[in-house]
Amino acid sequence: MDIVLEIFDQYVGDALYASILPAFPQSTLSLGKSDILQPNGTYSSVRQMATMPPTSYTYEPSSQYISQFLDLTPSDLAYMSQWSRNHIARQALSLSAITMYVP
């Protein structure tokens, strides 16, 4: 199961989840430099600039045999979703999609 999820995430899942559930809200990323540098009450209690969210996900190959044949090192898209690869809901949805739509 881990090998199947790793291959699915590498080629489909990372891009899909990064576009559906981005790690940063669009409104935060679209702030211009002049908007961030203007001091006012709304920015006083939150971070001034978007930063990467803390994540507990670290990549470990699921199998040493598969990693010899396929390079499954995650791209930047693997870290650009609110749900990391080890999130239980992401794994359940991915496995459901794989089993329902693969003939």
N, C-alpha and C. Protein backbone atom coordinates (compact mmCIF):
# COMPACT_ATOMS: atom_id res chain seq x y z
N MET A 1 0.82 -1.19 0.00
CA MET A 1 0.00 0.00 0.00
C MET A 1 0.87 1.26 0.00
N ASP A 2 1.95 1.26 0.76
CA ASP A 2 2.82 2.44 0.82
C ASP A 2 3.48 2.71 -0.53
N ILE A 3 3.86 1.66 -1.22
CA ILE A 3 4.51 1.83 -2.52
C ILE A 3 3.53 2.43 -3.52
N VAL A 4 2.30 1.94 -3.51
CA VAL A 4 1.28 2.45 -4.43
C VAL A 4 0.99 3.92 -4.14
N LEU A 5 0.85 4.28 -2.88
CA LEU A 5 0.61 5.68 -2.52
C LEU A 5 1.80 6.57 -2.88
N GLU A 6 3.00 6.07 -2.70
CA GLU A 6 4.18 6.87 -3.02
C GLU A 6 4.25 7.16 -4.53
N ILE A 7 3.97 6.17 -5.34
CA ILE A 7 3.98 6.36 -6.79
C ILE A 7 2.84 7.29 -7.22
N PHE A 8 1.65 7.10 -6.65
CA PHE A 8 0.50 7.96 -6.97
C PHE A 8 0.79 9.40 -6.59
N ASP A 9 1.33 9.62 -5.40
CA ASP A 9 1.61 10.98 -4.95
C ASP A 9 2.68 11.64 -5.81
N GLN A 10 3.68 10.89 -6.23
CA GLN A 10 4.75 11.46 -7.03
C GLN A 10 4.24 11.99 -8.37
N TYR A 11 3.36 11.22 -9.02
CA TYR A 11 2.95 11.56 -10.38
C TYR A 11 1.61 12.29 -10.47
N VAL A 12 0.73 12.14 -9.47
CA VAL A 12 -0.60 12.75 -9.54
C VAL A 12 -0.97 13.50 -8.26
N GLY A 13 -0.82 12.85 -7.13
CA GLY A 13 -1.36 13.35 -5.87
C GLY A 13 -0.80 14.67 -5.39
N ASP A 14 0.52 14.86 -5.49
CA ASP A 14 1.11 16.10 -5.00
C ASP A 14 0.57 17.32 -5.72
N ALA A 15 0.50 17.26 -7.04
CA ALA A 15 -0.02 18.39 -7.82
C ALA A 15 -1.51 18.60 -7.54
N LEU A 16 -2.24 17.51 -7.41
CA LEU A 16 -3.69 17.60 -7.16
C LEU A 16 -3.98 18.24 -5.81
N TYR A 17 -3.35 17.74 -4.76
CA TYR A 17 -3.61 18.29 -3.43
C TYR A 17 -3.04 19.70 -3.25
N ALA A 18 -1.95 20.01 -3.93
CA ALA A 18 -1.40 21.37 -3.84
C ALA A 18 -2.32 22.37 -4.52
N SER A 19 -3.04 21.95 -5.55
CA SER A 19 -3.96 22.88 -6.21
C SER A 19 -5.31 22.95 -5.51
N ILE A 20 -5.77 21.84 -4.93
CA ILE A 20 -7.07 21.84 -4.24
C ILE A 20 -6.96 22.42 -2.83
N LEU A 21 -5.94 22.02 -2.10
CA LEU A 21 -5.74 22.48 -0.71
C LEU A 21 -4.36 23.13 -0.57
N PRO A 22 -4.18 24.34 -1.10
CA PRO A 22 -2.86 24.97 -1.00
C PRO A 22 -2.49 25.27 0.45
N ALA A 23 -1.22 25.24 0.71
CA ALA A 23 -0.74 25.47 2.07
C ALA A 23 -0.95 26.92 2.50
N PHE A 24 -0.97 27.83 1.54
CA PHE A 24 -1.16 29.24 1.84
C PHE A 24 -2.43 29.72 1.16
N PRO A 25 -3.26 30.49 1.85
CA PRO A 25 -4.41 31.08 1.19
C PRO A 25 -3.97 32.04 0.08
N GLN A 26 -4.73 32.11 -0.98
CA GLN A 26 -4.38 32.97 -2.12
C GLN A 26 -4.29 34.44 -1.70
N SER A 27 -5.14 34.86 -0.79
CA SER A 27 -5.13 36.26 -0.38
C SER A 27 -3.82 36.64 0.31
N THR A 28 -3.22 35.73 1.05
CA THR A 28 -1.96 36.01 1.72
C THR A 28 -0.82 36.12 0.72
N LEU A 29 -0.84 35.25 -0.29
CA LEU A 29 0.23 35.27 -1.27
C LEU A 29 0.12 36.45 -2.23
N SER A 30 -1.08 36.98 -2.41
CA SER A 30 -1.27 38.05 -3.38
C SER A 30 -1.00 39.43 -2.79
N LEU A 31 -0.66 39.49 -1.50
CA LEU A 31 -0.34 40.78 -0.91
C LEU A 31 0.93 41.32 -1.52
N GLY A 32 0.90 42.56 -1.90
CA GLY A 32 2.10 43.18 -2.46
C GLY A 32 3.05 43.61 -1.36
N LYS A 33 4.26 43.97 -1.74
CA LYS A 33 5.24 44.40 -0.75
C LYS A 33 4.79 45.67 -0.05
N SER A 34 4.15 46.56 -0.77
CA SER A 34 3.67 47.80 -0.15
C SER A 34 2.55 47.52 0.85
N ASP A 35 1.72 46.50 0.60
CA ASP A 35 0.65 46.15 1.54
C ASP A 35 1.22 45.60 2.84
N ILE A 36 2.30 44.85 2.74
CA ILE A 36 2.88 44.23 3.93
C ILE A 36 3.62 45.25 4.78
N LEU A 37 4.25 46.23 4.14
CA LEU A 37 5.05 47.20 4.88
C LEU A 37 4.23 48.30 5.52
N GLN A 38 2.97 48.44 5.16
CA GLN A 38 2.12 49.47 5.77
C GLN A 38 1.68 49.01 7.16
N PRO A 39 2.08 49.67 8.21
CA PRO A 39 1.66 49.25 9.55
C PRO A 39 0.21 49.65 9.81
N ASN A 40 -0.57 48.71 10.30
CA ASN A 40 -1.92 49.00 10.76
C ASN A 40 -2.33 47.91 11.75
N GLY A 41 -3.53 48.03 12.29
CA GLY A 41 -3.98 47.12 13.34
C GLY A 41 -4.18 45.69 12.87
N THR A 42 -4.45 45.47 11.59
CA THR A 42 -4.73 44.10 11.15
C THR A 42 -3.48 43.26 11.03
N TYR A 43 -2.33 43.87 10.82
CA TYR A 43 -1.10 43.12 10.69
C TYR A 43 -0.31 43.04 11.99
N SER A 44 -0.77 43.70 13.05
CA SER A 44 0.03 43.78 14.26
C SER A 44 0.11 42.45 15.00
N SER A 45 -0.90 41.59 14.88
CA SER A 45 -0.89 40.36 15.66
C SER A 45 -0.65 39.12 14.81
N VAL A 46 -0.41 39.27 13.53
CA VAL A 46 -0.14 38.12 12.67
C VAL A 46 1.21 38.29 12.01
N ARG A 47 1.71 37.23 11.43
CA ARG A 47 2.99 37.31 10.74
C ARG A 47 2.89 38.23 9.55
N GLN A 48 3.95 38.94 9.29
CA GLN A 48 3.96 39.93 8.23
C GLN A 48 4.04 39.29 6.85
N MET A 49 4.77 38.19 6.70
CA MET A 49 4.96 37.59 5.40
C MET A 49 4.62 36.11 5.48
N ALA A 50 4.24 35.55 4.34
CA ALA A 50 3.92 34.13 4.29
C ALA A 50 5.19 33.31 4.47
N THR A 51 5.11 32.30 5.33
CA THR A 51 6.24 31.40 5.54
C THR A 51 5.74 29.97 5.36
N MET A 52 6.65 29.05 5.20
CA MET A 52 6.26 27.65 5.06
C MET A 52 5.68 27.17 6.38
N PRO A 53 4.57 26.43 6.33
CA PRO A 53 4.00 25.93 7.58
C PRO A 53 4.88 24.84 8.18
N PRO A 54 4.90 24.73 9.49
CA PRO A 54 5.69 23.66 10.08
C PRO A 54 5.06 22.32 9.72
N THR A 55 5.86 21.39 9.33
CA THR A 55 5.33 20.09 8.94
C THR A 55 6.16 19.00 9.58
N SER A 56 5.52 17.93 9.91
CA SER A 56 6.23 16.81 10.50
C SER A 56 6.59 15.78 9.44
N TYR A 57 6.26 16.05 8.18
CA TYR A 57 6.52 15.10 7.12
C TYR A 57 7.96 15.14 6.68
N THR A 58 8.62 14.02 6.72
CA THR A 58 9.95 13.86 6.15
C THR A 58 9.92 12.66 5.24
N TYR A 59 10.56 12.77 4.11
CA TYR A 59 10.52 11.71 3.12
C TYR A 59 11.41 10.54 3.52
N GLU A 60 10.83 9.35 3.48
CA GLU A 60 11.55 8.11 3.66
C GLU A 60 11.05 7.17 2.58
N PRO A 61 11.91 6.59 1.77
CA PRO A 61 11.45 5.68 0.72
C PRO A 61 10.68 4.51 1.32
N SER A 62 9.60 4.12 0.66
CA SER A 62 8.79 3.02 1.18
C SER A 62 9.45 1.67 0.94
N SER A 63 10.30 1.59 -0.07
CA SER A 63 10.99 0.35 -0.34
C SER A 63 12.35 0.64 -0.98
N GLN A 64 13.36 -0.02 -0.50
CA GLN A 64 14.69 0.18 -1.07
C GLN A 64 14.79 -0.42 -2.46
N TYR A 65 13.95 -1.40 -2.77
CA TYR A 65 14.00 -2.05 -4.07
C TYR A 65 13.36 -1.19 -5.15
N ILE A 66 12.25 -0.55 -4.84
CA ILE A 66 11.58 0.33 -5.80
C ILE A 66 12.42 1.58 -6.05
N SER A 67 13.04 2.11 -5.02
CA SER A 67 13.83 3.33 -5.18
C SER A 67 15.07 3.13 -6.04
N GLN A 68 15.46 1.87 -6.27
CA GLN A 68 16.57 1.60 -7.18
C GLN A 68 16.16 1.83 -8.64
N PHE A 69 14.88 1.62 -8.94
CA PHE A 69 14.39 1.70 -10.32
C PHE A 69 13.69 3.02 -10.63
N LEU A 70 13.02 3.58 -9.64
CA LEU A 70 12.27 4.83 -9.83
C LEU A 70 12.80 5.88 -8.87
N ASP A 71 12.95 7.09 -9.38
CA ASP A 71 13.32 8.20 -8.51
C ASP A 71 12.04 8.82 -7.97
N LEU A 72 11.69 8.49 -6.75
CA LEU A 72 10.45 8.96 -6.14
C LEU A 72 10.71 10.04 -5.10
N THR A 73 11.82 10.72 -5.20
CA THR A 73 12.10 11.83 -4.29
C THR A 73 11.06 12.92 -4.54
N PRO A 74 10.35 13.35 -3.50
CA PRO A 74 9.27 14.31 -3.71
C PRO A 74 9.77 15.67 -4.21
N SER A 75 8.95 16.26 -5.07
CA SER A 75 9.24 17.61 -5.56
C SER A 75 8.74 18.62 -4.54
N ASP A 76 8.85 19.89 -4.88
CA ASP A 76 8.36 20.94 -3.98
C ASP A 76 6.85 20.87 -3.79
N LEU A 77 6.13 20.30 -4.74
CA LEU A 77 4.67 20.19 -4.63
C LEU A 77 4.25 19.34 -3.43
N ALA A 78 5.09 18.44 -3.00
CA ALA A 78 4.75 17.58 -1.86
C ALA A 78 4.60 18.38 -0.57
N TYR A 79 5.22 19.55 -0.51
CA TYR A 79 5.18 20.37 0.70
C TYR A 79 4.28 21.60 0.55
N MET A 80 3.54 21.69 -0.55
CA MET A 80 2.73 22.87 -0.82
C MET A 80 1.24 22.63 -0.58
N SER A 81 0.89 21.63 0.17
CA SER A 81 -0.50 21.32 0.47
C SER A 81 -0.73 21.41 1.97
N GLN A 82 -1.96 21.69 2.35
CA GLN A 82 -2.31 21.70 3.77
C GLN A 82 -2.21 20.29 4.36
N TRP A 83 -2.47 19.30 3.53
CA TRP A 83 -2.40 17.91 3.97
C TRP A 83 -1.08 17.32 3.48
N SER A 84 -0.22 16.91 4.40
CA SER A 84 1.05 16.28 4.00
C SER A 84 0.76 14.86 3.52
N ARG A 85 1.77 14.22 2.99
CA ARG A 85 1.59 12.87 2.46
C ARG A 85 1.17 11.86 3.52
N ASN A 86 1.48 12.09 4.77
CA ASN A 86 1.11 11.15 5.81
C ASN A 86 -0.19 11.52 6.52
N HIS A 87 -0.96 12.46 5.98
CA HIS A 87 -2.26 12.85 6.54
C HIS A 87 -3.26 11.74 6.23
N ILE A 88 -4.00 11.30 7.24
CA ILE A 88 -4.88 10.13 7.11
C ILE A 88 -6.00 10.36 6.09
N ALA A 89 -6.56 11.56 6.05
CA ALA A 89 -7.63 11.84 5.10
C ALA A 89 -7.10 11.83 3.66
N ARG A 90 -5.90 12.36 3.47
CA ARG A 90 -5.29 12.35 2.13
C ARG A 90 -5.02 10.92 1.67
N GLN A 91 -4.52 10.09 2.56
CA GLN A 91 -4.25 8.71 2.20
C GLN A 91 -5.54 7.95 1.89
N ALA A 92 -6.59 8.20 2.66
CA ALA A 92 -7.86 7.52 2.42
C ALA A 92 -8.47 7.95 1.08
N LEU A 93 -8.43 9.25 0.79
CA LEU A 93 -8.96 9.72 -0.49
C LEU A 93 -8.14 9.20 -1.67
N SER A 94 -6.84 9.18 -1.52
CA SER A 94 -5.98 8.68 -2.60
C SER A 94 -6.22 7.20 -2.86
N LEU A 95 -6.28 6.41 -1.79
CA LEU A 95 -6.53 4.99 -1.98
C LEU A 95 -7.91 4.73 -2.57
N SER A 96 -8.90 5.50 -2.16
CA SER A 96 -10.24 5.36 -2.74
C SER A 96 -10.23 5.68 -4.22
N ALA A 97 -9.54 6.76 -4.60
CA ALA A 97 -9.46 7.13 -5.99
C ALA A 97 -8.73 6.07 -6.81
N ILE A 98 -7.67 5.54 -6.28
CA ILE A 98 -6.90 4.51 -6.99
C ILE A 98 -7.74 3.25 -7.20
N THR A 99 -8.41 2.79 -6.18
CA THR A 99 -9.15 1.54 -6.28
C THR A 99 -10.44 1.69 -7.08
N MET A 100 -11.05 2.87 -7.08
CA MET A 100 -12.29 3.05 -7.83
C MET A 100 -12.06 3.31 -9.30
N TYR A 101 -10.97 3.99 -9.65
CA TYR A 101 -10.79 4.43 -11.03
C TYR A 101 -9.74 3.67 -11.81
N VAL A 102 -9.06 2.74 -11.20
CA VAL A 102 -8.09 1.93 -11.93
C VAL A 102 -8.80 0.66 -12.37
N PRO A 103 -8.83 0.40 -13.70
CA PRO A 103 -9.56 -0.79 -14.18
C PRO A 103 -8.89 -2.09 -13.79
